[in-house]
Amino acid sequence: MATLLIAEHDNKVLKDATAKALTAAKALGADVHILVAGKDCKAVADAAAKLDGVKKILLADAPLYEHAVAEPLAALIVSLAGNYDAIVAPATTNGKNVMPRVAALLDVMQISEITKVIAPDTFERPIYAGNAIQTVKSTDAKKIVTVRTSTFQATGDGGSAPVETVTAAADPGLSSFVGEELSKSDRPELTSAKIIISGGRAHLRASPCRAARCTDRLTCRRL
């Protein structure tokens, strides 16, 4: 069959995480369709249609999906799942919120934060805070996968996929949007940043250090 990729967007702009997750989705070897669910998000669907290698865009434009509330979005994905062997999403806040619900409704295991596609049913993912890499082979009929986008290059433009409108699924009535408070920062999102700088633990130069791994044991003290 095909692979369904869940688009990451804010109803106005398609996020870079979608293009990176698309690279992983294409590695599964099947046609890739992208689901754009939101409100007044036709511009997002048009942007997704330009990504290279996409066969179809599914547009679910309804007030129900304006704020990407997990339960209604999961119900929509499950209603479309019959046509797909795999459902993929970037491992963003939204992806981590929605995809476990999709997996539970479909009664399959989720494969989280993959960093490599070995085969359509076999993936690599980090464990133990990234200190080990686990190879996972799934026997489920449908693969529910989230992608650690920092390990995949973004797919470029060059496509012209058709946009098809899909009907909103019934609202399960389990949750409703109340409000949100977003912090503002000049820094890019971690999942889309091109350069990430991570610092280590600080040292104070004071008395001899007893840390076994310290490279300056005579003149520093670990905090």
N, C-alpha and C. Protein backbone atom coordinates (compact mmCIF):
# COMPACT_ATOMS: atom_id res chain seq x y z
N MET A 1 0.83 -1.19 0.00
CA MET A 1 0.00 0.00 0.00
C MET A 1 0.87 1.25 0.00
N ALA A 2 0.69 2.13 0.98
CA ALA A 2 1.39 3.41 0.97
C ALA A 2 1.72 3.82 2.40
N THR A 3 2.42 4.95 2.52
CA THR A 3 2.80 5.51 3.81
C THR A 3 2.11 6.86 3.99
N LEU A 4 1.55 7.09 5.18
CA LEU A 4 0.90 8.36 5.49
C LEU A 4 1.80 9.15 6.43
N LEU A 5 2.17 10.36 6.01
CA LEU A 5 3.00 11.25 6.82
C LEU A 5 2.13 12.37 7.37
N ILE A 6 2.21 12.59 8.67
CA ILE A 6 1.42 13.65 9.31
C ILE A 6 2.23 14.95 9.28
N ALA A 7 1.69 15.97 8.66
CA ALA A 7 2.40 17.24 8.50
C ALA A 7 2.44 18.01 9.81
N GLU A 8 3.56 18.65 10.05
CA GLU A 8 3.74 19.54 11.18
C GLU A 8 3.63 20.98 10.68
N HIS A 9 2.69 21.74 11.22
CA HIS A 9 2.47 23.11 10.73
C HIS A 9 1.72 23.92 11.78
N ASP A 10 1.55 25.22 11.50
CA ASP A 10 0.82 26.10 12.42
C ASP A 10 -0.38 26.73 11.73
N ASN A 11 -0.91 26.05 10.73
CA ASN A 11 -2.05 26.49 9.90
C ASN A 11 -1.65 27.54 8.86
N LYS A 12 -0.42 28.03 8.94
CA LYS A 12 0.04 29.02 7.98
C LYS A 12 1.30 28.56 7.24
N VAL A 13 2.22 27.96 8.00
CA VAL A 13 3.53 27.60 7.45
C VAL A 13 3.79 26.12 7.70
N LEU A 14 4.29 25.44 6.69
CA LEU A 14 4.70 24.04 6.83
C LEU A 14 6.07 24.01 7.52
N LYS A 15 6.16 23.28 8.62
CA LYS A 15 7.40 23.24 9.39
C LYS A 15 8.45 22.36 8.71
N ASP A 16 9.72 22.70 8.94
CA ASP A 16 10.83 21.97 8.35
C ASP A 16 10.86 20.52 8.81
N ALA A 17 10.29 20.24 9.98
CA ALA A 17 10.26 18.87 10.48
C ALA A 17 9.52 17.94 9.53
N THR A 18 8.56 18.46 8.79
CA THR A 18 7.81 17.63 7.85
C THR A 18 8.71 17.16 6.72
N ALA A 19 9.52 18.05 6.18
CA ALA A 19 10.42 17.69 5.08
C ALA A 19 11.46 16.68 5.52
N LYS A 20 11.91 16.77 6.78
CA LYS A 20 12.89 15.81 7.29
C LYS A 20 12.24 14.45 7.53
N ALA A 21 11.04 14.45 8.09
CA ALA A 21 10.33 13.19 8.31
C ALA A 21 9.97 12.54 6.98
N LEU A 22 9.77 13.35 5.94
CA LEU A 22 9.47 12.82 4.61
C LEU A 22 10.64 11.98 4.09
N THR A 23 11.86 12.41 4.37
CA THR A 23 13.03 11.64 3.95
C THR A 23 12.99 10.23 4.54
N ALA A 24 12.61 10.14 5.81
CA ALA A 24 12.49 8.83 6.46
C ALA A 24 11.32 8.05 5.88
N ALA A 25 10.21 8.72 5.64
CA ALA A 25 9.03 8.04 5.11
C ALA A 25 9.30 7.46 3.72
N LYS A 26 10.03 8.19 2.89
CA LYS A 26 10.34 7.68 1.55
C LYS A 26 11.25 6.47 1.60
N ALA A 27 12.08 6.37 2.65
CA ALA A 27 12.98 5.23 2.78
C ALA A 27 12.23 3.93 3.03
N LEU A 28 10.95 4.01 3.37
CA LEU A 28 10.15 2.80 3.56
C LEU A 28 9.84 2.12 2.23
N GLY A 29 9.99 2.85 1.13
CA GLY A 29 9.88 2.25 -0.19
C GLY A 29 8.52 2.28 -0.83
N ALA A 30 7.53 2.88 -0.16
CA ALA A 30 6.18 2.94 -0.72
C ALA A 30 5.84 4.39 -1.07
N ASP A 31 4.74 4.58 -1.79
CA ASP A 31 4.26 5.93 -2.07
C ASP A 31 3.96 6.65 -0.76
N VAL A 32 4.23 7.95 -0.72
CA VAL A 32 4.01 8.74 0.49
C VAL A 32 2.89 9.75 0.24
N HIS A 33 1.88 9.72 1.10
CA HIS A 33 0.83 10.73 1.12
C HIS A 33 1.02 11.56 2.39
N ILE A 34 0.75 12.85 2.31
CA ILE A 34 0.89 13.72 3.48
C ILE A 34 -0.49 14.21 3.91
N LEU A 35 -0.77 14.07 5.20
CA LEU A 35 -2.02 14.57 5.77
C LEU A 35 -1.79 15.94 6.38
N VAL A 36 -2.52 16.93 5.89
CA VAL A 36 -2.51 18.28 6.46
C VAL A 36 -3.86 18.51 7.11
N ALA A 37 -3.88 18.53 8.43
CA ALA A 37 -5.12 18.72 9.19
C ALA A 37 -5.03 20.02 9.97
N GLY A 38 -5.98 20.91 9.75
CA GLY A 38 -5.97 22.19 10.44
C GLY A 38 -7.16 23.02 10.02
N LYS A 39 -7.07 24.31 10.24
CA LYS A 39 -8.14 25.24 9.86
C LYS A 39 -7.55 26.34 8.99
N ASP A 40 -8.18 26.57 7.83
CA ASP A 40 -7.70 27.57 6.88
C ASP A 40 -6.23 27.32 6.53
N CYS A 41 -5.92 26.07 6.22
CA CYS A 41 -4.52 25.66 6.03
C CYS A 41 -4.24 25.21 4.60
N LYS A 42 -4.98 25.75 3.64
CA LYS A 42 -4.76 25.38 2.24
C LYS A 42 -3.34 25.74 1.79
N ALA A 43 -2.81 26.85 2.29
CA ALA A 43 -1.44 27.25 1.92
C ALA A 43 -0.43 26.21 2.39
N VAL A 44 -0.68 25.60 3.52
CA VAL A 44 0.22 24.54 4.02
C VAL A 44 0.16 23.33 3.09
N ALA A 45 -1.05 22.96 2.67
CA ALA A 45 -1.21 21.83 1.76
C ALA A 45 -0.50 22.09 0.44
N ASP A 46 -0.60 23.32 -0.06
CA ASP A 46 0.07 23.66 -1.32
C ASP A 46 1.59 23.57 -1.18
N ALA A 47 2.10 23.98 -0.01
CA ALA A 47 3.55 23.89 0.23
C ALA A 47 3.99 22.43 0.31
N ALA A 48 3.18 21.60 0.96
CA ALA A 48 3.51 20.17 1.08
C ALA A 48 3.48 19.50 -0.28
N ALA A 49 2.59 19.95 -1.15
CA ALA A 49 2.48 19.36 -2.48
C ALA A 49 3.73 19.58 -3.32
N LYS A 50 4.53 20.57 -2.98
CA LYS A 50 5.74 20.86 -3.75
C LYS A 50 6.94 20.03 -3.31
N LEU A 51 6.82 19.28 -2.20
CA LEU A 51 7.94 18.47 -1.74
C LEU A 51 8.18 17.31 -2.70
N ASP A 52 9.44 17.03 -2.93
CA ASP A 52 9.81 16.00 -3.90
C ASP A 52 9.41 14.61 -3.42
N GLY A 53 8.79 13.85 -4.30
CA GLY A 53 8.48 12.46 -4.01
C GLY A 53 7.14 12.21 -3.37
N VAL A 54 6.35 13.24 -3.13
CA VAL A 54 5.03 13.07 -2.52
C VAL A 54 4.01 12.76 -3.62
N LYS A 55 3.18 11.75 -3.40
CA LYS A 55 2.21 11.34 -4.40
C LYS A 55 0.86 12.02 -4.24
N LYS A 56 0.50 12.36 -3.01
CA LYS A 56 -0.82 12.95 -2.78
C LYS A 56 -0.82 13.71 -1.46
N ILE A 57 -1.60 14.79 -1.41
CA ILE A 57 -1.83 15.53 -0.18
C ILE A 57 -3.28 15.34 0.23
N LEU A 58 -3.50 14.96 1.47
CA LEU A 58 -4.85 14.85 2.03
C LEU A 58 -5.08 16.07 2.91
N LEU A 59 -6.07 16.85 2.58
CA LEU A 59 -6.36 18.09 3.31
C LEU A 59 -7.64 17.94 4.12
N ALA A 60 -7.51 18.01 5.43
CA ALA A 60 -8.66 18.00 6.33
C ALA A 60 -8.74 19.39 6.96
N ASP A 61 -9.57 20.24 6.38
CA ASP A 61 -9.67 21.63 6.81
C ASP A 61 -10.98 21.82 7.57
N ALA A 62 -10.87 21.92 8.89
CA ALA A 62 -12.07 22.05 9.73
C ALA A 62 -11.68 22.70 11.05
N PRO A 63 -12.59 23.44 11.69
CA PRO A 63 -12.29 24.07 12.97
C PRO A 63 -11.84 23.07 14.03
N LEU A 64 -12.27 21.82 13.90
CA LEU A 64 -11.93 20.78 14.86
C LEU A 64 -10.42 20.56 14.97
N TYR A 65 -9.68 20.84 13.88
CA TYR A 65 -8.24 20.56 13.85
C TYR A 65 -7.38 21.81 13.96
N GLU A 66 -7.98 22.93 14.29
CA GLU A 66 -7.25 24.20 14.31
C GLU A 66 -6.08 24.17 15.28
N HIS A 67 -6.27 23.57 16.44
CA HIS A 67 -5.23 23.59 17.48
C HIS A 67 -4.56 22.24 17.67
N ALA A 68 -4.73 21.32 16.74
CA ALA A 68 -4.07 20.00 16.77
C ALA A 68 -4.32 19.28 18.10
N VAL A 69 -5.55 19.38 18.60
CA VAL A 69 -5.90 18.62 19.80
C VAL A 69 -5.77 17.13 19.49
N ALA A 70 -5.14 16.40 20.39
CA ALA A 70 -4.69 15.04 20.07
C ALA A 70 -5.84 14.07 19.74
N GLU A 71 -6.90 14.09 20.52
CA GLU A 71 -7.95 13.08 20.35
C GLU A 71 -8.69 13.20 19.02
N PRO A 72 -9.15 14.39 18.61
CA PRO A 72 -9.78 14.50 17.29
C PRO A 72 -8.83 14.17 16.14
N LEU A 73 -7.56 14.59 16.27
CA LEU A 73 -6.60 14.32 15.21
C LEU A 73 -6.29 12.82 15.12
N ALA A 74 -6.19 12.16 16.26
CA ALA A 74 -5.96 10.72 16.26
C ALA A 74 -7.14 9.99 15.62
N ALA A 75 -8.36 10.44 15.90
CA ALA A 75 -9.54 9.81 15.30
C ALA A 75 -9.52 9.97 13.78
N LEU A 76 -9.08 11.12 13.29
CA LEU A 76 -8.99 11.34 11.85
C LEU A 76 -7.96 10.40 11.23
N ILE A 77 -6.80 10.29 11.85
CA ILE A 77 -5.74 9.43 11.32
C ILE A 77 -6.19 7.98 11.28
N VAL A 78 -6.85 7.54 12.34
CA VAL A 78 -7.34 6.15 12.38
C VAL A 78 -8.38 5.91 11.29
N SER A 79 -9.22 6.91 11.01
CA SER A 79 -10.23 6.75 9.97
C SER A 79 -9.62 6.58 8.58
N LEU A 80 -8.38 7.06 8.41
CA LEU A 80 -7.68 6.95 7.13
C LEU A 80 -6.71 5.78 7.09
N ALA A 81 -6.48 5.14 8.23
CA ALA A 81 -5.39 4.18 8.37
C ALA A 81 -5.55 2.93 7.51
N GLY A 82 -6.76 2.60 7.12
CA GLY A 82 -6.98 1.37 6.36
C GLY A 82 -6.24 1.32 5.04
N ASN A 83 -5.87 2.47 4.50
CA ASN A 83 -5.21 2.53 3.19
C ASN A 83 -3.68 2.53 3.30
N TYR A 84 -3.14 2.38 4.52
CA TYR A 84 -1.70 2.58 4.69
C TYR A 84 -1.05 1.45 5.48
N ASP A 85 0.19 1.13 5.08
CA ASP A 85 1.00 0.16 5.81
C ASP A 85 1.73 0.83 6.96
N ALA A 86 2.03 2.10 6.83
CA ALA A 86 2.79 2.81 7.86
C ALA A 86 2.24 4.22 8.01
N ILE A 87 2.25 4.70 9.25
CA ILE A 87 1.87 6.08 9.56
C ILE A 87 3.05 6.71 10.28
N VAL A 88 3.54 7.82 9.75
CA VAL A 88 4.79 8.42 10.21
C VAL A 88 4.53 9.86 10.63
N ALA A 89 5.22 10.31 11.66
CA ALA A 89 5.14 11.71 12.09
C ALA A 89 6.48 12.12 12.66
N PRO A 90 6.84 13.39 12.54
CA PRO A 90 8.05 13.87 13.21
C PRO A 90 7.88 13.78 14.72
N ALA A 91 8.97 13.52 15.43
CA ALA A 91 8.91 13.38 16.89
C ALA A 91 8.94 14.75 17.55
N THR A 92 7.97 15.57 17.19
CA THR A 92 7.80 16.89 17.80
C THR A 92 6.82 16.77 18.97
N THR A 93 6.53 17.88 19.62
CA THR A 93 5.56 17.84 20.71
C THR A 93 4.21 17.31 20.23
N ASN A 94 3.76 17.78 19.07
CA ASN A 94 2.49 17.30 18.54
C ASN A 94 2.55 15.82 18.17
N GLY A 95 3.65 15.42 17.51
CA GLY A 95 3.79 14.03 17.12
C GLY A 95 3.80 13.09 18.31
N LYS A 96 4.51 13.48 19.36
CA LYS A 96 4.58 12.65 20.56
C LYS A 96 3.24 12.62 21.30
N ASN A 97 2.42 13.62 21.08
CA ASN A 97 1.11 13.68 21.72
C ASN A 97 0.07 12.83 20.98
N VAL A 98 0.12 12.85 19.66
CA VAL A 98 -0.92 12.21 18.85
C VAL A 98 -0.62 10.74 18.56
N MET A 99 0.62 10.42 18.19
CA MET A 99 0.91 9.09 17.68
C MET A 99 0.70 7.95 18.68
N PRO A 100 1.00 8.12 19.98
CA PRO A 100 0.68 7.03 20.91
C PRO A 100 -0.82 6.72 20.96
N ARG A 101 -1.65 7.74 20.78
CA ARG A 101 -3.10 7.52 20.75
C ARG A 101 -3.50 6.74 19.50
N VAL A 102 -2.87 7.08 18.38
CA VAL A 102 -3.14 6.35 17.15
C VAL A 102 -2.75 4.88 17.32
N ALA A 103 -1.57 4.64 17.88
CA ALA A 103 -1.12 3.26 18.09
C ALA A 103 -2.07 2.50 19.00
N ALA A 104 -2.55 3.15 20.05
CA ALA A 104 -3.47 2.48 20.98
C ALA A 104 -4.80 2.15 20.29
N LEU A 105 -5.32 3.08 19.50
CA LEU A 105 -6.58 2.85 18.81
C LEU A 105 -6.47 1.74 17.77
N LEU A 106 -5.29 1.60 17.17
CA LEU A 106 -5.06 0.55 16.18
C LEU A 106 -4.55 -0.74 16.81
N ASP A 107 -4.27 -0.70 18.12
CA ASP A 107 -3.79 -1.87 18.87
C ASP A 107 -2.47 -2.39 18.29
N VAL A 108 -1.54 -1.48 18.05
CA VAL A 108 -0.19 -1.85 17.59
C VAL A 108 0.83 -1.11 18.44
N MET A 109 2.09 -1.55 18.35
CA MET A 109 3.16 -0.89 19.07
C MET A 109 3.69 0.30 18.28
N GLN A 110 4.03 1.37 18.99
CA GLN A 110 4.68 2.51 18.34
C GLN A 110 6.19 2.32 18.36
N ILE A 111 6.85 2.71 17.27
CA ILE A 111 8.31 2.72 17.21
C ILE A 111 8.73 4.19 17.26
N SER A 112 9.37 4.57 18.35
CA SER A 112 9.58 5.99 18.64
C SER A 112 10.96 6.48 18.24
N GLU A 113 11.00 7.68 17.69
CA GLU A 113 12.22 8.45 17.43
C GLU A 113 13.28 7.65 16.67
N ILE A 114 12.89 7.12 15.53
CA ILE A 114 13.85 6.37 14.73
C ILE A 114 14.92 7.32 14.17
N THR A 115 16.12 6.78 14.01
CA THR A 115 17.22 7.56 13.43
C THR A 115 17.69 6.97 12.11
N LYS A 116 17.17 5.77 11.77
CA LYS A 116 17.56 5.14 10.51
C LYS A 116 16.51 4.12 10.11
N VAL A 117 16.22 4.06 8.81
CA VAL A 117 15.34 3.04 8.26
C VAL A 117 16.22 1.98 7.60
N ILE A 118 16.20 0.77 8.14
CA ILE A 118 16.99 -0.33 7.58
C ILE A 118 16.17 -1.08 6.54
N ALA A 119 14.90 -1.30 6.84
CA ALA A 119 13.96 -1.98 5.96
C ALA A 119 12.57 -1.47 6.33
N PRO A 120 11.55 -1.77 5.51
CA PRO A 120 10.21 -1.29 5.84
C PRO A 120 9.69 -1.72 7.21
N ASP A 121 10.27 -2.78 7.77
CA ASP A 121 9.84 -3.24 9.09
C ASP A 121 10.95 -3.19 10.14
N THR A 122 12.10 -2.60 9.80
CA THR A 122 13.25 -2.61 10.69
C THR A 122 13.86 -1.21 10.79
N PHE A 123 14.12 -0.78 12.02
CA PHE A 123 14.56 0.59 12.26
C PHE A 123 15.61 0.63 13.35
N GLU A 124 16.38 1.72 13.36
CA GLU A 124 17.29 2.00 14.47
C GLU A 124 16.75 3.17 15.27
N ARG A 125 16.93 3.09 16.59
CA ARG A 125 16.50 4.16 17.48
C ARG A 125 17.43 4.21 18.69
N PRO A 126 17.69 5.40 19.24
CA PRO A 126 18.57 5.51 20.41
C PRO A 126 17.85 5.11 21.69
N ILE A 127 18.60 4.50 22.61
CA ILE A 127 18.10 4.19 23.94
C ILE A 127 19.15 4.58 24.97
N TYR A 128 18.79 4.54 26.23
CA TYR A 128 19.71 4.91 27.31
C TYR A 128 20.33 6.28 27.06
N ALA A 129 19.44 7.25 26.83
CA ALA A 129 19.87 8.65 26.62
C ALA A 129 20.86 8.78 25.47
N GLY A 130 20.70 7.92 24.45
CA GLY A 130 21.55 8.01 23.28
C GLY A 130 22.87 7.27 23.40
N ASN A 131 23.09 6.58 24.51
CA ASN A 131 24.35 5.86 24.70
C ASN A 131 24.38 4.51 23.99
N ALA A 132 23.24 4.06 23.49
CA ALA A 132 23.17 2.80 22.75
C ALA A 132 22.16 2.95 21.64
N ILE A 133 22.35 2.20 20.56
CA ILE A 133 21.43 2.21 19.43
C ILE A 133 20.74 0.84 19.36
N GLN A 134 19.44 0.87 19.36
CA GLN A 134 18.64 -0.35 19.33
C GLN A 134 18.10 -0.57 17.92
N THR A 135 18.19 -1.81 17.44
CA THR A 135 17.58 -2.19 16.17
C THR A 135 16.25 -2.87 16.46
N VAL A 136 15.17 -2.34 15.89
CA VAL A 136 13.82 -2.83 16.17
C VAL A 136 13.20 -3.36 14.89
N LYS A 137 12.68 -4.57 14.96
CA LYS A 137 11.94 -5.15 13.84
C LYS A 137 10.50 -5.36 14.28
N SER A 138 9.57 -4.78 13.56
CA SER A 138 8.16 -4.84 13.92
C SER A 138 7.43 -5.90 13.11
N THR A 139 6.57 -6.64 13.78
CA THR A 139 5.74 -7.64 13.11
C THR A 139 4.29 -7.16 12.97
N ASP A 140 4.02 -5.94 13.41
CA ASP A 140 2.66 -5.40 13.28
C ASP A 140 2.32 -5.15 11.81
N ALA A 141 1.07 -5.33 11.49
CA ALA A 141 0.62 -5.11 10.11
C ALA A 141 0.76 -3.64 9.72
N LYS A 142 0.56 -2.74 10.68
CA LYS A 142 0.72 -1.31 10.43
C LYS A 142 1.81 -0.78 11.34
N LYS A 143 2.71 -0.02 10.78
CA LYS A 143 3.82 0.56 11.53
C LYS A 143 3.46 1.99 11.93
N ILE A 144 3.55 2.27 13.21
CA ILE A 144 3.33 3.62 13.73
C ILE A 144 4.70 4.14 14.17
N VAL A 145 5.20 5.15 13.48
CA VAL A 145 6.60 5.55 13.62
C VAL A 145 6.70 7.05 13.86
N THR A 146 7.54 7.44 14.82
CA THR A 146 7.93 8.85 14.93
C THR A 146 9.41 8.96 14.57
N VAL A 147 9.79 10.10 14.01
CA VAL A 147 11.11 10.28 13.43
C VAL A 147 11.88 11.36 14.18
N ARG A 148 13.08 11.02 14.62
CA ARG A 148 13.97 12.04 15.19
C ARG A 148 14.56 12.82 14.02
N THR A 149 14.00 13.98 13.78
CA THR A 149 14.28 14.71 12.54
C THR A 149 15.70 15.25 12.44
N SER A 150 16.39 15.37 13.57
CA SER A 150 17.76 15.91 13.53
C SER A 150 18.71 14.99 12.79
N THR A 151 18.33 13.73 12.55
CA THR A 151 19.22 12.77 11.90
C THR A 151 18.90 12.58 10.42
N PHE A 152 17.92 13.29 9.89
CA PHE A 152 17.55 13.15 8.48
C PHE A 152 17.65 14.50 7.78
N GLN A 153 18.18 14.49 6.56
CA GLN A 153 18.19 15.69 5.74
C GLN A 153 16.78 16.00 5.24
N ALA A 154 16.47 17.27 5.12
CA ALA A 154 15.15 17.66 4.63
C ALA A 154 15.03 17.37 3.14
N THR A 155 13.89 16.86 2.73
CA THR A 155 13.59 16.67 1.32
C THR A 155 13.32 18.03 0.68
N GLY A 156 13.88 18.26 -0.48
CA GLY A 156 13.68 19.54 -1.17
C GLY A 156 12.41 19.59 -1.98
N ASP A 157 12.19 20.73 -2.61
CA ASP A 157 11.03 20.89 -3.48
C ASP A 157 11.29 20.22 -4.83
N GLY A 158 10.26 20.21 -5.64
CA GLY A 158 10.36 19.61 -6.96
C GLY A 158 9.18 18.75 -7.31
N GLY A 159 8.22 18.64 -6.38
CA GLY A 159 7.03 17.84 -6.62
C GLY A 159 5.85 18.69 -7.04
N SER A 160 4.79 18.02 -7.44
CA SER A 160 3.53 18.71 -7.81
C SER A 160 2.38 17.76 -7.52
N ALA A 161 2.27 17.34 -6.27
CA ALA A 161 1.26 16.36 -5.88
C ALA A 161 -0.13 16.99 -5.87
N PRO A 162 -1.15 16.21 -6.24
CA PRO A 162 -2.52 16.72 -6.17
C PRO A 162 -2.99 16.83 -4.72
N VAL A 163 -3.86 17.80 -4.46
CA VAL A 163 -4.43 18.00 -3.13
C VAL A 163 -5.87 17.47 -3.13
N GLU A 164 -6.13 16.54 -2.24
CA GLU A 164 -7.44 15.91 -2.15
C GLU A 164 -8.06 16.23 -0.79
N THR A 165 -9.29 16.69 -0.79
CA THR A 165 -9.97 17.02 0.46
C THR A 165 -10.57 15.77 1.08
N VAL A 166 -10.36 15.61 2.38
CA VAL A 166 -10.93 14.48 3.11
C VAL A 166 -11.91 15.00 4.16
N THR A 167 -12.90 14.19 4.47
CA THR A 167 -13.93 14.58 5.42
C THR A 167 -13.42 14.44 6.85
N ALA A 168 -13.76 15.41 7.67
CA ALA A 168 -13.37 15.35 9.08
C ALA A 168 -14.03 14.16 9.74
N ALA A 169 -13.29 13.49 10.63
CA ALA A 169 -13.83 12.37 11.38
C ALA A 169 -14.72 12.89 12.50
N ALA A 170 -15.56 12.02 13.02
CA ALA A 170 -16.43 12.40 14.13
C ALA A 170 -15.60 12.77 15.36
N ASP A 171 -15.98 13.83 16.04
CA ASP A 171 -15.28 14.25 17.23
C ASP A 171 -15.56 13.26 18.36
N PRO A 172 -14.52 12.62 18.91
CA PRO A 172 -14.77 11.67 20.00
C PRO A 172 -15.27 12.32 21.28
N GLY A 173 -15.16 13.65 21.37
CA GLY A 173 -15.68 14.36 22.53
C GLY A 173 -14.92 14.12 23.82
N LEU A 174 -13.66 13.74 23.70
CA LEU A 174 -12.87 13.43 24.89
C LEU A 174 -12.10 14.64 25.40
N SER A 175 -11.94 15.65 24.59
CA SER A 175 -11.17 16.82 24.99
C SER A 175 -11.62 18.02 24.19
N SER A 176 -11.25 19.20 24.67
CA SER A 176 -11.56 20.43 23.95
C SER A 176 -10.46 21.44 24.22
N PHE A 177 -10.26 22.35 23.28
CA PHE A 177 -9.21 23.36 23.41
C PHE A 177 -9.69 24.48 24.32
N VAL A 178 -8.86 24.84 25.30
CA VAL A 178 -9.20 25.91 26.24
C VAL A 178 -8.36 27.15 25.96
N GLY A 179 -7.06 26.99 25.82
CA GLY A 179 -6.18 28.13 25.56
C GLY A 179 -4.74 27.67 25.54
N GLU A 180 -3.85 28.59 25.18
CA GLU A 180 -2.43 28.27 25.16
C GLU A 180 -1.62 29.52 25.43
N GLU A 181 -0.48 29.34 26.05
CA GLU A 181 0.46 30.42 26.29
C GLU A 181 1.80 29.99 25.72
N LEU A 182 2.25 30.71 24.72
CA LEU A 182 3.48 30.34 24.03
C LEU A 182 4.59 31.31 24.39
N SER A 183 5.74 30.77 24.75
CA SER A 183 6.90 31.61 25.01
C SER A 183 7.52 32.03 23.69
N LYS A 184 8.03 33.25 23.64
CA LYS A 184 8.63 33.77 22.43
C LYS A 184 10.15 33.81 22.58
N SER A 185 10.84 33.40 21.52
CA SER A 185 12.29 33.38 21.55
C SER A 185 12.83 33.63 20.15
N ASP A 186 14.00 34.28 20.09
CA ASP A 186 14.65 34.50 18.80
C ASP A 186 15.36 33.24 18.31
N ARG A 187 15.47 32.26 19.18
CA ARG A 187 16.16 31.02 18.80
C ARG A 187 15.23 30.13 17.97
N PRO A 188 15.79 29.36 17.05
CA PRO A 188 14.97 28.44 16.27
C PRO A 188 14.54 27.26 17.13
N GLU A 189 13.51 26.53 16.67
CA GLU A 189 13.10 25.32 17.36
C GLU A 189 14.23 24.29 17.29
N LEU A 190 14.37 23.51 18.36
CA LEU A 190 15.45 22.54 18.42
C LEU A 190 15.39 21.54 17.27
N THR A 191 14.17 21.14 16.87
CA THR A 191 14.02 20.14 15.81
C THR A 191 14.37 20.67 14.43
N SER A 192 14.43 22.00 14.27
CA SER A 192 14.73 22.57 12.96
C SER A 192 16.02 23.37 12.93
N ALA A 193 16.71 23.47 14.08
CA ALA A 193 17.96 24.23 14.13
C ALA A 193 19.03 23.56 13.29
N LYS A 194 19.81 24.35 12.55
CA LYS A 194 20.87 23.81 11.71
C LYS A 194 22.14 23.53 12.52
N ILE A 195 22.36 24.30 13.60
CA ILE A 195 23.53 24.11 14.45
C ILE A 195 23.07 24.04 15.90
N ILE A 196 23.52 23.03 16.63
CA ILE A 196 23.17 22.87 18.04
C ILE A 196 24.46 22.80 18.84
N ILE A 197 24.61 23.68 19.82
CA ILE A 197 25.79 23.71 20.67
C ILE A 197 25.39 23.22 22.06
N SER A 198 26.07 22.21 22.54
CA SER A 198 25.76 21.65 23.85
C SER A 198 27.00 21.74 24.74
N GLY A 199 26.86 22.33 25.91
CA GLY A 199 27.99 22.48 26.83
C GLY A 199 28.09 21.31 27.79
N GLY A 200 29.28 21.13 28.37
CA GLY A 200 29.50 20.07 29.35
C GLY A 200 29.39 20.61 30.76
N ARG A 201 29.76 19.78 31.71
CA ARG A 201 29.70 20.18 33.11
C ARG A 201 30.85 21.13 33.44
N ALA A 202 30.57 22.15 34.23
CA ALA A 202 31.58 23.17 34.55
C ALA A 202 32.56 22.67 35.60
N HIS A 203 33.74 23.27 35.62
CA HIS A 203 34.77 22.99 36.62
C HIS A 203 35.19 24.31 37.28
N LEU A 204 35.58 24.21 38.52
CA LEU A 204 36.18 25.35 39.21
C LEU A 204 37.64 25.03 39.51
N ARG A 205 38.53 25.94 39.17
CA ARG A 205 39.95 25.75 39.50
C ARG A 205 40.16 26.20 40.95
N ALA A 206 40.34 25.23 41.82
CA ALA A 206 40.50 25.57 43.22
C ALA A 206 41.42 24.57 43.92
N SER A 207 40.95 23.37 44.14
CA SER A 207 41.73 22.37 44.84
C SER A 207 41.84 21.11 43.99
N PRO A 208 42.74 20.19 44.31
CA PRO A 208 42.92 18.99 43.50
C PRO A 208 41.59 18.25 43.27
N CYS A 209 41.41 17.78 42.05
CA CYS A 209 40.17 17.09 41.68
C CYS A 209 40.35 15.59 41.84
N ARG A 210 39.33 14.91 42.36
CA ARG A 210 39.39 13.48 42.57
C ARG A 210 38.54 12.72 41.54
N ALA A 211 37.96 13.44 40.59
CA ALA A 211 37.12 12.78 39.58
C ALA A 211 37.99 11.90 38.69
N ALA A 212 37.57 10.64 38.55
CA ALA A 212 38.38 9.67 37.81
C ALA A 212 38.54 10.05 36.35
N ARG A 213 37.53 10.69 35.77
CA ARG A 213 37.56 11.02 34.34
C ARG A 213 38.11 12.40 34.05
N CYS A 214 38.47 13.13 35.08
CA CYS A 214 38.91 14.51 34.87
C CYS A 214 40.29 14.52 34.20
N THR A 215 40.45 15.40 33.23
CA THR A 215 41.72 15.49 32.51
C THR A 215 42.66 16.54 33.12
N ASP A 216 42.18 17.20 34.16
CA ASP A 216 42.99 18.24 34.80
C ASP A 216 42.90 18.06 36.31
N ARG A 217 43.25 16.88 36.80
CA ARG A 217 42.96 16.50 38.17
C ARG A 217 43.74 17.31 39.20
N LEU A 218 44.81 17.94 38.79
CA LEU A 218 45.64 18.63 39.78
C LEU A 218 45.12 20.01 40.12
N THR A 219 44.37 20.64 39.22
CA THR A 219 44.04 22.05 39.40
C THR A 219 42.55 22.36 39.34
N CYS A 220 41.67 21.37 39.28
CA CYS A 220 40.25 21.71 39.19
C CYS A 220 39.42 20.92 40.19
N ARG A 221 38.25 21.40 40.43
CA ARG A 221 37.30 20.74 41.31
C ARG A 221 35.95 20.69 40.60
N ARG A 222 35.36 19.53 40.51
CA ARG A 222 34.07 19.39 39.82
C ARG A 222 32.97 20.04 40.67
N LEU A 223 32.04 20.69 39.98
CA LEU A 223 30.92 21.31 40.68
C LEU A 223 29.95 20.23 41.13
